Amino acid sequence: MPTTDAGDAGGGYPLGTVRALLGTDWVTRSTRDALQARLEAHHPRSGRFFHPEALVTLRAACARLVPQPHRENPIDIAGCIDDRLAGATGNGWRYDSMPPDAEAYRVGLAGLDETSRLRYGGPFHVLVARHQDDVLRRVQRGEAEGKAWELIMAPRFFEELLAESAEFYYSHPLAQEEIGYVGMADVGGWQALGLDQLEPREPRVGNPSHA
């Protein structure tokens, strides 16, 4: 991993806060195991659910929705989505206007490539950044061209993709360190509940963690 991150570059939270807490009694074993597995996951992951072309499209879309230019090894958001779909897991609900997640992703990613070809002559992943952003905005607004968008609601697909991308990004310890989040270290509860109060184990901006 790089020696600096977005938080450090702006005088934000120090590196290592979450990783330091993982070895303490503030974190339950099950939580520690889950977060450690995310740290140790190989990047980028091979597709288990998506065929290679669709996974390339998904990676390109995630890179525009959650840019990680400061990371030498970006958090593999697309790989996390692929793993979830391969395991047939979810959050237990979906919009009644949308098909099951597996079908929604298949159609939606095909739609991104279809719209990209119609507007710019190539699949989504080969487009320059501004053209990728234009395609995503058209999907978000429900203005994207292509037969795929007759099968699913483009704005709903965009909403689901953006939400899941952000969810997987901020479930990773390295992203949590960027925002000073240590909510996983909840053994013993929280006592400092007032405005601007911090527990001793919570990181301070620009200062080492007190874990």
N, C-alpha and C. Protein backbone atom coordinates (compact mmCIF):
# COMPACT_ATOMS: atom_id res chain seq x y z
N MET A 1 0.83 -1.20 0.00
CA MET A 1 0.00 0.00 0.00
C MET A 1 0.87 1.26 0.00
N PRO A 2 0.33 2.38 -0.49
CA PRO A 2 1.09 3.62 -0.47
C PRO A 2 1.33 4.09 0.95
N THR A 3 2.34 4.92 1.12
CA THR A 3 2.68 5.39 2.47
C THR A 3 1.82 6.55 2.91
N THR A 4 1.07 7.15 2.00
CA THR A 4 0.15 8.23 2.36
C THR A 4 -1.20 7.92 1.78
N ASP A 5 -2.22 8.55 2.36
CA ASP A 5 -3.55 8.40 1.78
C ASP A 5 -4.20 9.77 1.74
N ALA A 6 -5.49 9.79 1.32
CA ALA A 6 -6.17 11.07 1.14
C ALA A 6 -6.23 11.85 2.44
N GLY A 7 -6.46 11.14 3.54
CA GLY A 7 -6.54 11.83 4.82
C GLY A 7 -5.23 12.46 5.22
N ASP A 8 -4.13 11.74 5.05
CA ASP A 8 -2.82 12.27 5.42
C ASP A 8 -2.46 13.48 4.58
N ALA A 9 -2.78 13.41 3.27
CA ALA A 9 -2.39 14.49 2.38
C ALA A 9 -3.05 15.80 2.78
N GLY A 10 -4.22 15.75 3.39
CA GLY A 10 -4.92 16.96 3.78
C GLY A 10 -4.83 17.23 5.27
N GLY A 11 -3.86 16.66 5.97
CA GLY A 11 -3.76 16.87 7.41
C GLY A 11 -4.87 16.17 8.17
N GLY A 12 -5.35 15.05 7.64
CA GLY A 12 -6.48 14.37 8.24
C GLY A 12 -6.06 13.32 9.24
N TYR A 13 -6.80 12.21 9.25
CA TYR A 13 -6.55 11.16 10.24
C TYR A 13 -5.28 10.38 9.89
N PRO A 14 -4.55 9.93 10.89
CA PRO A 14 -3.30 9.22 10.64
C PRO A 14 -3.52 7.81 10.13
N LEU A 15 -2.53 7.30 9.43
CA LEU A 15 -2.56 5.91 8.99
C LEU A 15 -2.52 4.96 10.18
N GLY A 16 -3.11 3.78 10.00
CA GLY A 16 -2.94 2.71 10.96
C GLY A 16 -3.92 2.66 12.10
N THR A 17 -4.89 3.59 12.16
CA THR A 17 -5.78 3.64 13.32
C THR A 17 -6.63 2.39 13.44
N VAL A 18 -7.29 2.01 12.35
CA VAL A 18 -8.14 0.83 12.39
C VAL A 18 -7.28 -0.42 12.55
N ARG A 19 -6.19 -0.49 11.83
CA ARG A 19 -5.34 -1.68 11.90
C ARG A 19 -4.77 -1.88 13.29
N ALA A 20 -4.47 -0.79 13.98
CA ALA A 20 -3.96 -0.91 15.35
C ALA A 20 -5.04 -1.44 16.29
N LEU A 21 -6.28 -1.02 16.07
CA LEU A 21 -7.37 -1.46 16.94
C LEU A 21 -7.74 -2.92 16.74
N LEU A 22 -7.46 -3.46 15.57
CA LEU A 22 -7.85 -4.85 15.29
C LEU A 22 -7.19 -5.83 16.25
N GLY A 23 -6.05 -5.48 16.77
CA GLY A 23 -5.36 -6.38 17.68
C GLY A 23 -5.68 -6.16 19.14
N THR A 24 -6.70 -5.34 19.43
CA THR A 24 -7.03 -5.02 20.82
C THR A 24 -8.32 -5.71 21.24
N ASP A 25 -8.61 -5.63 22.54
CA ASP A 25 -9.84 -6.22 23.07
C ASP A 25 -11.06 -5.36 22.81
N TRP A 26 -10.89 -4.22 22.15
CA TRP A 26 -12.04 -3.38 21.81
C TRP A 26 -12.85 -3.98 20.66
N VAL A 27 -12.27 -4.92 19.94
CA VAL A 27 -12.90 -5.50 18.75
C VAL A 27 -13.20 -6.96 19.00
N THR A 28 -14.43 -7.38 18.67
CA THR A 28 -14.78 -8.79 18.85
C THR A 28 -14.03 -9.65 17.85
N ARG A 29 -13.91 -10.93 18.15
CA ARG A 29 -13.17 -11.84 17.27
C ARG A 29 -13.82 -11.91 15.89
N SER A 30 -15.14 -12.00 15.82
CA SER A 30 -15.80 -12.12 14.52
C SER A 30 -15.59 -10.86 13.68
N THR A 31 -15.68 -9.69 14.32
CA THR A 31 -15.43 -8.45 13.59
C THR A 31 -13.98 -8.37 13.13
N ARG A 32 -13.06 -8.74 14.01
CA ARG A 32 -11.63 -8.74 13.66
C ARG A 32 -11.37 -9.64 12.47
N ASP A 33 -11.93 -10.83 12.49
CA ASP A 33 -11.71 -11.78 11.39
C ASP A 33 -12.24 -11.22 10.07
N ALA A 34 -13.42 -10.59 10.12
CA ALA A 34 -14.02 -10.05 8.90
C ALA A 34 -13.17 -8.92 8.32
N LEU A 35 -12.73 -8.01 9.18
CA LEU A 35 -11.93 -6.88 8.70
C LEU A 35 -10.54 -7.32 8.25
N GLN A 36 -9.97 -8.27 8.96
CA GLN A 36 -8.65 -8.77 8.56
C GLN A 36 -8.72 -9.45 7.20
N ALA A 37 -9.80 -10.16 6.95
CA ALA A 37 -9.97 -10.81 5.65
C ALA A 37 -10.03 -9.78 4.53
N ARG A 38 -10.67 -8.64 4.79
CA ARG A 38 -10.73 -7.59 3.78
C ARG A 38 -9.36 -7.00 3.52
N LEU A 39 -8.57 -6.86 4.56
CA LEU A 39 -7.21 -6.34 4.39
C LEU A 39 -6.34 -7.29 3.57
N GLU A 40 -6.56 -8.58 3.74
CA GLU A 40 -5.69 -9.57 3.13
C GLU A 40 -6.19 -10.07 1.77
N ALA A 41 -7.35 -9.58 1.34
CA ALA A 41 -7.91 -10.04 0.07
C ALA A 41 -6.97 -9.67 -1.08
N HIS A 42 -6.84 -10.58 -2.04
CA HIS A 42 -5.98 -10.32 -3.18
C HIS A 42 -6.69 -9.39 -4.16
N HIS A 43 -5.94 -8.47 -4.74
CA HIS A 43 -6.51 -7.49 -5.67
C HIS A 43 -5.71 -7.49 -6.97
N PRO A 44 -6.40 -7.35 -8.09
CA PRO A 44 -7.85 -7.49 -8.22
C PRO A 44 -8.27 -8.96 -8.23
N ARG A 45 -9.48 -9.22 -7.80
CA ARG A 45 -9.96 -10.59 -7.74
C ARG A 45 -10.43 -11.06 -9.11
N SER A 46 -10.33 -12.35 -9.35
CA SER A 46 -10.89 -12.94 -10.56
C SER A 46 -12.39 -13.06 -10.40
N GLY A 47 -13.11 -12.94 -11.51
CA GLY A 47 -14.55 -13.00 -11.46
C GLY A 47 -15.07 -14.39 -11.13
N ARG A 48 -16.01 -14.44 -10.21
CA ARG A 48 -16.69 -15.70 -9.90
C ARG A 48 -18.12 -15.69 -10.45
N PHE A 49 -18.70 -14.51 -10.56
CA PHE A 49 -20.07 -14.38 -11.06
C PHE A 49 -20.09 -13.80 -12.47
N PHE A 50 -19.42 -12.69 -12.67
CA PHE A 50 -19.45 -12.01 -13.96
C PHE A 50 -18.47 -12.66 -14.94
N HIS A 51 -18.84 -12.64 -16.22
CA HIS A 51 -17.86 -13.03 -17.24
C HIS A 51 -16.84 -11.88 -17.37
N PRO A 52 -15.67 -12.15 -17.92
CA PRO A 52 -14.58 -11.16 -17.89
C PRO A 52 -14.96 -9.79 -18.45
N GLU A 53 -15.72 -9.76 -19.55
CA GLU A 53 -16.07 -8.47 -20.15
C GLU A 53 -16.94 -7.64 -19.22
N ALA A 54 -17.89 -8.28 -18.56
CA ALA A 54 -18.76 -7.55 -17.64
C ALA A 54 -17.99 -7.06 -16.43
N LEU A 55 -17.05 -7.86 -15.94
CA LEU A 55 -16.27 -7.45 -14.77
C LEU A 55 -15.39 -6.25 -15.11
N VAL A 56 -14.85 -6.21 -16.32
CA VAL A 56 -14.06 -5.05 -16.75
C VAL A 56 -14.93 -3.80 -16.75
N THR A 57 -16.15 -3.92 -17.25
CA THR A 57 -17.08 -2.79 -17.26
C THR A 57 -17.40 -2.34 -15.84
N LEU A 58 -17.67 -3.30 -14.97
CA LEU A 58 -17.98 -2.97 -13.58
C LEU A 58 -16.81 -2.27 -12.90
N ARG A 59 -15.60 -2.75 -13.12
CA ARG A 59 -14.43 -2.11 -12.52
C ARG A 59 -14.30 -0.66 -12.99
N ALA A 60 -14.53 -0.45 -14.28
CA ALA A 60 -14.42 0.91 -14.82
C ALA A 60 -15.48 1.83 -14.23
N ALA A 61 -16.70 1.32 -14.07
CA ALA A 61 -17.77 2.13 -13.48
C ALA A 61 -17.48 2.45 -12.03
N CYS A 62 -17.03 1.47 -11.27
CA CYS A 62 -16.71 1.70 -9.86
C CYS A 62 -15.57 2.71 -9.71
N ALA A 63 -14.64 2.70 -10.65
CA ALA A 63 -13.52 3.63 -10.59
C ALA A 63 -13.95 5.07 -10.81
N ARG A 64 -15.05 5.27 -11.52
CA ARG A 64 -15.57 6.62 -11.70
C ARG A 64 -16.47 7.03 -10.54
N LEU A 65 -17.22 6.09 -9.99
CA LEU A 65 -18.12 6.41 -8.88
C LEU A 65 -17.38 6.62 -7.58
N VAL A 66 -16.34 5.83 -7.34
CA VAL A 66 -15.52 5.95 -6.13
C VAL A 66 -14.05 5.99 -6.56
N PRO A 67 -13.59 7.14 -7.03
CA PRO A 67 -12.20 7.23 -7.50
C PRO A 67 -11.21 6.99 -6.36
N GLN A 68 -10.11 6.34 -6.69
CA GLN A 68 -9.07 6.07 -5.69
C GLN A 68 -7.69 6.40 -6.27
N PRO A 69 -7.50 7.62 -6.75
CA PRO A 69 -6.21 7.95 -7.38
C PRO A 69 -5.04 7.93 -6.42
N HIS A 70 -5.33 8.01 -5.11
CA HIS A 70 -4.25 8.03 -4.11
C HIS A 70 -3.77 6.64 -3.74
N ARG A 71 -4.43 5.61 -4.24
CA ARG A 71 -4.08 4.24 -3.85
C ARG A 71 -3.30 3.54 -4.96
N GLU A 72 -2.14 3.01 -4.60
CA GLU A 72 -1.39 2.18 -5.54
C GLU A 72 -2.16 0.89 -5.83
N ASN A 73 -2.81 0.33 -4.81
CA ASN A 73 -3.64 -0.87 -4.95
C ASN A 73 -5.05 -0.52 -4.49
N PRO A 74 -5.92 -0.09 -5.41
CA PRO A 74 -7.26 0.33 -5.01
C PRO A 74 -8.05 -0.80 -4.35
N ILE A 75 -8.93 -0.41 -3.45
CA ILE A 75 -9.87 -1.37 -2.86
C ILE A 75 -10.72 -1.93 -3.99
N ASP A 76 -10.85 -3.25 -4.03
CA ASP A 76 -11.50 -3.92 -5.16
C ASP A 76 -13.01 -3.96 -4.97
N ILE A 77 -13.65 -2.83 -5.22
CA ILE A 77 -15.10 -2.73 -5.05
C ILE A 77 -15.82 -3.70 -5.98
N ALA A 78 -15.40 -3.74 -7.24
CA ALA A 78 -16.06 -4.63 -8.20
C ALA A 78 -15.92 -6.09 -7.77
N GLY A 79 -14.75 -6.46 -7.25
CA GLY A 79 -14.57 -7.83 -6.78
C GLY A 79 -15.48 -8.17 -5.63
N CYS A 80 -15.74 -7.19 -4.76
CA CYS A 80 -16.67 -7.42 -3.64
C CYS A 80 -18.08 -7.66 -4.15
N ILE A 81 -18.50 -6.87 -5.13
CA ILE A 81 -19.84 -7.06 -5.71
C ILE A 81 -19.92 -8.42 -6.38
N ASP A 82 -18.88 -8.78 -7.11
CA ASP A 82 -18.84 -10.09 -7.77
C ASP A 82 -18.94 -11.22 -6.75
N ASP A 83 -18.20 -11.12 -5.66
CA ASP A 83 -18.26 -12.14 -4.62
C ASP A 83 -19.65 -12.26 -4.02
N ARG A 84 -20.29 -11.11 -3.77
CA ARG A 84 -21.63 -11.15 -3.18
C ARG A 84 -22.61 -11.86 -4.10
N LEU A 85 -22.57 -11.52 -5.38
CA LEU A 85 -23.49 -12.15 -6.32
C LEU A 85 -23.18 -13.62 -6.50
N ALA A 86 -21.90 -13.98 -6.50
CA ALA A 86 -21.53 -15.39 -6.62
C ALA A 86 -22.04 -16.20 -5.43
N GLY A 87 -22.09 -15.57 -4.27
CA GLY A 87 -22.58 -16.24 -3.08
C GLY A 87 -24.07 -16.13 -2.89
N ALA A 88 -24.75 -15.46 -3.83
CA ALA A 88 -26.22 -15.30 -3.78
C ALA A 88 -26.67 -14.71 -2.45
N THR A 89 -25.93 -13.71 -1.96
CA THR A 89 -26.31 -13.03 -0.73
C THR A 89 -26.79 -11.63 -1.06
N GLY A 90 -27.44 -11.00 -0.10
CA GLY A 90 -27.94 -9.66 -0.31
C GLY A 90 -28.41 -9.06 1.00
N ASN A 91 -29.09 -7.92 0.91
CA ASN A 91 -29.56 -7.25 2.12
C ASN A 91 -31.03 -7.52 2.43
N GLY A 92 -31.63 -8.44 1.68
CA GLY A 92 -32.96 -8.89 2.03
C GLY A 92 -34.11 -8.13 1.42
N TRP A 93 -33.82 -7.16 0.56
CA TRP A 93 -34.91 -6.43 -0.08
C TRP A 93 -34.44 -5.92 -1.44
N ARG A 94 -35.40 -5.52 -2.28
CA ARG A 94 -35.10 -4.85 -3.54
C ARG A 94 -36.34 -4.08 -3.96
N TYR A 95 -36.15 -3.12 -4.84
CA TYR A 95 -37.28 -2.38 -5.38
C TYR A 95 -38.17 -3.33 -6.19
N ASP A 96 -39.48 -3.18 -6.05
CA ASP A 96 -40.37 -4.07 -6.80
C ASP A 96 -40.35 -3.77 -8.30
N SER A 97 -39.76 -2.64 -8.66
CA SER A 97 -39.63 -2.29 -10.08
C SER A 97 -38.37 -2.87 -10.71
N MET A 98 -37.55 -3.54 -9.90
CA MET A 98 -36.28 -4.08 -10.40
C MET A 98 -36.27 -5.60 -10.31
N PRO A 99 -35.55 -6.26 -11.23
CA PRO A 99 -35.40 -7.71 -11.14
C PRO A 99 -34.43 -8.07 -10.02
N PRO A 100 -34.25 -9.36 -9.72
CA PRO A 100 -33.24 -9.75 -8.74
C PRO A 100 -31.87 -9.17 -9.09
N ASP A 101 -31.04 -9.00 -8.08
CA ASP A 101 -29.75 -8.32 -8.26
C ASP A 101 -28.91 -8.90 -9.39
N ALA A 102 -28.85 -10.22 -9.47
CA ALA A 102 -28.02 -10.85 -10.49
C ALA A 102 -28.43 -10.40 -11.89
N GLU A 103 -29.74 -10.41 -12.14
CA GLU A 103 -30.24 -9.99 -13.45
C GLU A 103 -30.07 -8.49 -13.66
N ALA A 104 -30.31 -7.71 -12.61
CA ALA A 104 -30.16 -6.26 -12.73
C ALA A 104 -28.74 -5.88 -13.11
N TYR A 105 -27.76 -6.53 -12.49
CA TYR A 105 -26.37 -6.22 -12.82
C TYR A 105 -26.02 -6.67 -14.23
N ARG A 106 -26.47 -7.84 -14.62
CA ARG A 106 -26.16 -8.31 -15.98
C ARG A 106 -26.71 -7.34 -17.02
N VAL A 107 -27.96 -6.96 -16.85
CA VAL A 107 -28.59 -6.05 -17.82
C VAL A 107 -27.97 -4.66 -17.73
N GLY A 108 -27.75 -4.17 -16.51
CA GLY A 108 -27.23 -2.83 -16.34
C GLY A 108 -25.83 -2.65 -16.89
N LEU A 109 -24.96 -3.62 -16.66
CA LEU A 109 -23.60 -3.52 -17.20
C LEU A 109 -23.60 -3.63 -18.72
N ALA A 110 -24.46 -4.50 -19.25
CA ALA A 110 -24.60 -4.57 -20.71
C ALA A 110 -25.12 -3.24 -21.24
N GLY A 111 -26.01 -2.61 -20.46
CA GLY A 111 -26.53 -1.31 -20.86
C GLY A 111 -25.46 -0.23 -20.89
N LEU A 112 -24.56 -0.24 -19.92
CA LEU A 112 -23.46 0.73 -19.94
C LEU A 112 -22.63 0.59 -21.21
N ASP A 113 -22.32 -0.65 -21.58
CA ASP A 113 -21.55 -0.86 -22.80
C ASP A 113 -22.35 -0.48 -24.04
N GLU A 114 -23.64 -0.79 -24.04
CA GLU A 114 -24.48 -0.46 -25.20
C GLU A 114 -24.56 1.05 -25.39
N THR A 115 -24.84 1.77 -24.33
CA THR A 115 -24.92 3.22 -24.42
C THR A 115 -23.58 3.81 -24.85
N SER A 116 -22.50 3.27 -24.33
CA SER A 116 -21.17 3.76 -24.68
C SER A 116 -20.88 3.58 -26.17
N ARG A 117 -21.27 2.44 -26.70
CA ARG A 117 -21.04 2.18 -28.12
C ARG A 117 -21.90 3.10 -28.98
N LEU A 118 -23.14 3.31 -28.57
CA LEU A 118 -24.04 4.16 -29.35
C LEU A 118 -23.56 5.61 -29.36
N ARG A 119 -23.03 6.08 -28.26
CA ARG A 119 -22.63 7.48 -28.16
C ARG A 119 -21.18 7.72 -28.57
N TYR A 120 -20.29 6.79 -28.23
CA TYR A 120 -18.86 7.05 -28.40
C TYR A 120 -18.11 5.98 -29.17
N GLY A 121 -18.82 4.95 -29.64
CA GLY A 121 -18.20 3.99 -30.54
C GLY A 121 -17.38 2.89 -29.91
N GLY A 122 -17.48 2.71 -28.60
CA GLY A 122 -16.71 1.65 -27.95
C GLY A 122 -17.31 1.29 -26.61
N PRO A 123 -16.89 0.16 -26.02
CA PRO A 123 -17.42 -0.24 -24.72
C PRO A 123 -17.01 0.76 -23.63
N PHE A 124 -17.69 0.69 -22.52
CA PHE A 124 -17.53 1.67 -21.45
C PHE A 124 -16.09 1.80 -20.98
N HIS A 125 -15.40 0.67 -20.81
CA HIS A 125 -14.08 0.73 -20.18
C HIS A 125 -13.01 1.39 -21.04
N VAL A 126 -13.23 1.52 -22.35
CA VAL A 126 -12.22 2.15 -23.21
C VAL A 126 -12.43 3.65 -23.35
N LEU A 127 -13.55 4.16 -22.86
CA LEU A 127 -13.83 5.58 -23.02
C LEU A 127 -12.94 6.42 -22.11
N VAL A 128 -12.70 7.66 -22.52
CA VAL A 128 -12.00 8.59 -21.64
C VAL A 128 -12.92 8.93 -20.47
N ALA A 129 -12.34 9.46 -19.41
CA ALA A 129 -13.09 9.66 -18.16
C ALA A 129 -14.32 10.53 -18.36
N ARG A 130 -14.20 11.61 -19.11
CA ARG A 130 -15.35 12.52 -19.25
C ARG A 130 -16.49 11.85 -20.00
N HIS A 131 -16.18 10.96 -20.93
CA HIS A 131 -17.23 10.25 -21.65
C HIS A 131 -17.85 9.18 -20.76
N GLN A 132 -17.04 8.52 -19.94
CA GLN A 132 -17.61 7.58 -18.97
C GLN A 132 -18.56 8.30 -18.02
N ASP A 133 -18.15 9.48 -17.56
CA ASP A 133 -19.01 10.24 -16.65
C ASP A 133 -20.30 10.66 -17.34
N ASP A 134 -20.22 11.01 -18.61
CA ASP A 134 -21.42 11.38 -19.35
C ASP A 134 -22.38 10.21 -19.45
N VAL A 135 -21.86 9.02 -19.73
CA VAL A 135 -22.71 7.83 -19.81
C VAL A 135 -23.37 7.57 -18.46
N LEU A 136 -22.60 7.65 -17.38
CA LEU A 136 -23.16 7.40 -16.05
C LEU A 136 -24.22 8.43 -15.69
N ARG A 137 -23.99 9.69 -16.04
CA ARG A 137 -25.00 10.71 -15.75
C ARG A 137 -26.28 10.47 -16.54
N ARG A 138 -26.15 10.03 -17.77
CA ARG A 138 -27.34 9.74 -18.57
C ARG A 138 -28.12 8.56 -17.97
N VAL A 139 -27.40 7.57 -17.47
CA VAL A 139 -28.07 6.46 -16.79
C VAL A 139 -28.76 6.98 -15.54
N GLN A 140 -28.08 7.81 -14.77
CA GLN A 140 -28.65 8.36 -13.54
C GLN A 140 -29.93 9.14 -13.83
N ARG A 141 -29.95 9.89 -14.92
CA ARG A 141 -31.11 10.72 -15.25
C ARG A 141 -32.18 9.97 -16.02
N GLY A 142 -31.91 8.72 -16.40
CA GLY A 142 -32.86 7.97 -17.20
C GLY A 142 -32.89 8.39 -18.65
N GLU A 143 -31.76 8.91 -19.14
CA GLU A 143 -31.68 9.41 -20.51
C GLU A 143 -30.74 8.59 -21.39
N ALA A 144 -30.32 7.42 -20.90
CA ALA A 144 -29.35 6.61 -21.64
C ALA A 144 -30.01 5.87 -22.80
N GLU A 145 -29.33 5.86 -23.94
CA GLU A 145 -29.83 5.15 -25.10
C GLU A 145 -29.51 3.67 -24.98
N GLY A 146 -30.35 2.84 -25.60
CA GLY A 146 -30.06 1.42 -25.66
C GLY A 146 -31.24 0.55 -25.27
N LYS A 147 -31.30 -0.62 -25.87
CA LYS A 147 -32.39 -1.56 -25.59
C LYS A 147 -32.38 -2.07 -24.16
N ALA A 148 -31.19 -2.15 -23.56
CA ALA A 148 -31.10 -2.69 -22.20
C ALA A 148 -31.95 -1.90 -21.22
N TRP A 149 -32.05 -0.59 -21.45
CA TRP A 149 -32.78 0.26 -20.50
C TRP A 149 -34.28 0.16 -20.67
N GLU A 150 -34.72 -0.63 -21.65
CA GLU A 150 -36.14 -0.97 -21.73
C GLU A 150 -36.48 -2.13 -20.79
N LEU A 151 -35.45 -2.81 -20.30
CA LEU A 151 -35.65 -3.98 -19.44
C LEU A 151 -35.56 -3.64 -17.96
N ILE A 152 -34.76 -2.65 -17.61
CA ILE A 152 -34.66 -2.21 -16.22
C ILE A 152 -34.67 -0.68 -16.18
N MET A 153 -34.98 -0.14 -15.03
CA MET A 153 -35.00 1.31 -14.85
C MET A 153 -33.57 1.81 -14.65
N ALA A 154 -33.10 2.61 -15.58
CA ALA A 154 -31.72 3.08 -15.52
C ALA A 154 -31.40 3.84 -14.22
N PRO A 155 -32.26 4.78 -13.78
CA PRO A 155 -31.93 5.50 -12.54
C PRO A 155 -31.84 4.58 -11.32
N ARG A 156 -32.69 3.56 -11.27
CA ARG A 156 -32.63 2.62 -10.15
C ARG A 156 -31.33 1.82 -10.19
N PHE A 157 -30.92 1.41 -11.38
CA PHE A 157 -29.65 0.67 -11.48
C PHE A 157 -28.50 1.54 -11.02
N PHE A 158 -28.48 2.80 -11.45
CA PHE A 158 -27.42 3.71 -11.02
C PHE A 158 -27.43 3.86 -9.50
N GLU A 159 -28.60 4.04 -8.93
CA GLU A 159 -28.72 4.19 -7.48
C GLU A 159 -28.16 2.98 -6.75
N GLU A 160 -28.53 1.79 -7.21
CA GLU A 160 -28.07 0.56 -6.56
C GLU A 160 -26.55 0.38 -6.71
N LEU A 161 -26.03 0.67 -7.89
CA LEU A 161 -24.60 0.53 -8.13
C LEU A 161 -23.81 1.51 -7.27
N LEU A 162 -24.26 2.76 -7.22
CA LEU A 162 -23.56 3.76 -6.42
C LEU A 162 -23.60 3.41 -4.94
N ALA A 163 -24.77 3.02 -4.45
CA ALA A 163 -24.90 2.70 -3.02
C ALA A 163 -24.04 1.50 -2.64
N GLU A 164 -24.04 0.47 -3.48
CA GLU A 164 -23.25 -0.72 -3.14
C GLU A 164 -21.76 -0.43 -3.25
N SER A 165 -21.37 0.40 -4.20
CA SER A 165 -19.96 0.76 -4.33
C SER A 165 -19.47 1.50 -3.09
N ALA A 166 -20.27 2.46 -2.63
CA ALA A 166 -19.89 3.21 -1.42
C ALA A 166 -19.89 2.31 -0.20
N GLU A 167 -20.86 1.41 -0.12
CA GLU A 167 -20.95 0.49 1.03
C GLU A 167 -19.71 -0.40 1.13
N PHE A 168 -19.31 -0.98 0.01
CA PHE A 168 -18.14 -1.86 0.04
C PHE A 168 -16.86 -1.07 0.28
N TYR A 169 -16.78 0.13 -0.27
CA TYR A 169 -15.57 0.93 -0.05
C TYR A 169 -15.38 1.23 1.43
N TYR A 170 -16.44 1.73 2.07
CA TYR A 170 -16.30 2.15 3.46
C TYR A 170 -16.45 1.00 4.46
N SER A 171 -16.64 -0.21 3.97
CA SER A 171 -16.55 -1.37 4.85
C SER A 171 -15.11 -1.89 4.94
N HIS A 172 -14.21 -1.28 4.18
CA HIS A 172 -12.81 -1.71 4.18
C HIS A 172 -12.03 -0.91 5.21
N PRO A 173 -11.17 -1.56 6.00
CA PRO A 173 -10.42 -0.85 7.05
C PRO A 173 -9.62 0.35 6.55
N LEU A 174 -9.04 0.27 5.37
CA LEU A 174 -8.23 1.38 4.88
C LEU A 174 -9.09 2.60 4.57
N ALA A 175 -10.30 2.39 4.08
CA ALA A 175 -11.21 3.51 3.85
C ALA A 175 -11.73 4.07 5.17
N GLN A 176 -11.96 3.19 6.14
CA GLN A 176 -12.41 3.65 7.45
C GLN A 176 -11.35 4.53 8.11
N GLU A 177 -10.08 4.21 7.89
CA GLU A 177 -9.01 5.04 8.44
C GLU A 177 -9.04 6.45 7.86
N GLU A 178 -9.46 6.58 6.62
CA GLU A 178 -9.50 7.90 5.98
C GLU A 178 -10.47 8.84 6.68
N ILE A 179 -11.53 8.31 7.26
CA ILE A 179 -12.57 9.15 7.86
C ILE A 179 -12.58 9.06 9.38
N GLY A 180 -11.59 8.40 9.95
CA GLY A 180 -11.50 8.32 11.40
C GLY A 180 -12.57 7.47 12.04
N TYR A 181 -13.07 6.49 11.30
CA TYR A 181 -14.16 5.64 11.81
C TYR A 181 -13.60 4.46 12.58
N VAL A 182 -14.03 4.32 13.83
CA VAL A 182 -13.63 3.16 14.63
C VAL A 182 -14.85 2.53 15.30
N GLY A 183 -16.00 2.64 14.65
CA GLY A 183 -17.23 2.10 15.23
C GLY A 183 -17.21 0.61 15.44
N MET A 184 -16.29 -0.08 14.76
CA MET A 184 -16.18 -1.52 14.95
C MET A 184 -15.56 -1.87 16.31
N ALA A 185 -14.89 -0.91 16.93
CA ALA A 185 -14.24 -1.13 18.23
C ALA A 185 -15.22 -0.78 19.34
N ASP A 186 -16.27 -1.60 19.46
CA ASP A 186 -17.39 -1.23 20.32
C ASP A 186 -17.53 -2.09 21.58
N VAL A 187 -16.57 -2.97 21.83
CA VAL A 187 -16.62 -3.75 23.07
C VAL A 187 -16.46 -2.78 24.25
N GLY A 188 -17.36 -2.84 25.18
CA GLY A 188 -17.32 -1.92 26.31
C GLY A 188 -18.17 -0.69 26.12
N GLY A 189 -18.70 -0.52 24.90
CA GLY A 189 -19.60 0.60 24.65
C GLY A 189 -18.89 1.93 24.50
N TRP A 190 -19.72 2.98 24.53
CA TRP A 190 -19.23 4.34 24.30
C TRP A 190 -19.70 5.23 25.45
N GLN A 191 -18.78 5.99 26.01
CA GLN A 191 -19.08 6.86 27.13
C GLN A 191 -19.04 8.34 26.74
N ALA A 192 -18.18 8.70 25.81
CA ALA A 192 -18.03 10.11 25.40
C ALA A 192 -19.08 10.42 24.34
N LEU A 193 -20.24 10.90 24.77
CA LEU A 193 -21.38 11.08 23.87
C LEU A 193 -21.68 12.54 23.57
N GLY A 194 -20.97 13.45 24.19
CA GLY A 194 -21.24 14.87 23.99
C GLY A 194 -20.65 15.40 22.70
N LEU A 195 -21.04 16.62 22.35
CA LEU A 195 -20.56 17.27 21.14
C LEU A 195 -19.04 17.42 21.20
N ASP A 196 -18.37 16.96 20.15
CA ASP A 196 -16.91 17.05 20.02
C ASP A 196 -16.15 16.22 21.04
N GLN A 197 -16.82 15.31 21.73
CA GLN A 197 -16.12 14.43 22.65
C GLN A 197 -15.67 13.17 21.92
N LEU A 198 -14.50 12.66 22.30
CA LEU A 198 -13.95 11.45 21.69
C LEU A 198 -13.52 10.48 22.77
N GLU A 199 -13.69 9.20 22.47
CA GLU A 199 -13.13 8.17 23.34
C GLU A 199 -11.60 8.17 23.19
N PRO A 200 -10.88 7.71 24.19
CA PRO A 200 -9.41 7.65 24.07
C PRO A 200 -8.95 6.84 22.86
N ARG A 201 -9.73 5.85 22.44
CA ARG A 201 -9.31 5.01 21.32
C ARG A 201 -9.65 5.61 19.96
N GLU A 202 -10.40 6.71 19.93
CA GLU A 202 -10.76 7.33 18.66
C GLU A 202 -9.61 8.21 18.17
N PRO A 203 -9.34 8.18 16.85
CA PRO A 203 -8.23 8.97 16.32
C PRO A 203 -8.54 10.46 16.31
N ARG A 204 -7.52 11.25 16.44
CA ARG A 204 -7.62 12.70 16.35
C ARG A 204 -7.03 13.16 15.01
N VAL A 205 -7.64 14.15 14.42
CA VAL A 205 -7.13 14.66 13.15
C VAL A 205 -5.72 15.20 13.33
N GLY A 206 -4.81 14.69 12.51
CA GLY A 206 -3.45 15.18 12.52
C GLY A 206 -2.59 14.69 13.65
N ASN A 207 -3.13 13.79 14.51
CA ASN A 207 -2.37 13.28 15.64
C ASN A 207 -2.43 11.76 15.66
N PRO A 208 -1.48 11.10 16.28
CA PRO A 208 -1.51 9.65 16.36
C PRO A 208 -2.74 9.15 17.10
N SER A 209 -3.15 7.94 16.76
CA SER A 209 -4.27 7.30 17.46
C SER A 209 -3.92 7.08 18.92
N HIS A 210 -4.95 7.16 19.78
CA HIS A 210 -4.76 6.90 21.20
C HIS A 210 -5.26 5.52 21.58
N ALA A 211 -5.32 4.60 20.58
CA ALA A 211 -5.81 3.26 20.85
C ALA A 211 -4.89 2.55 21.82
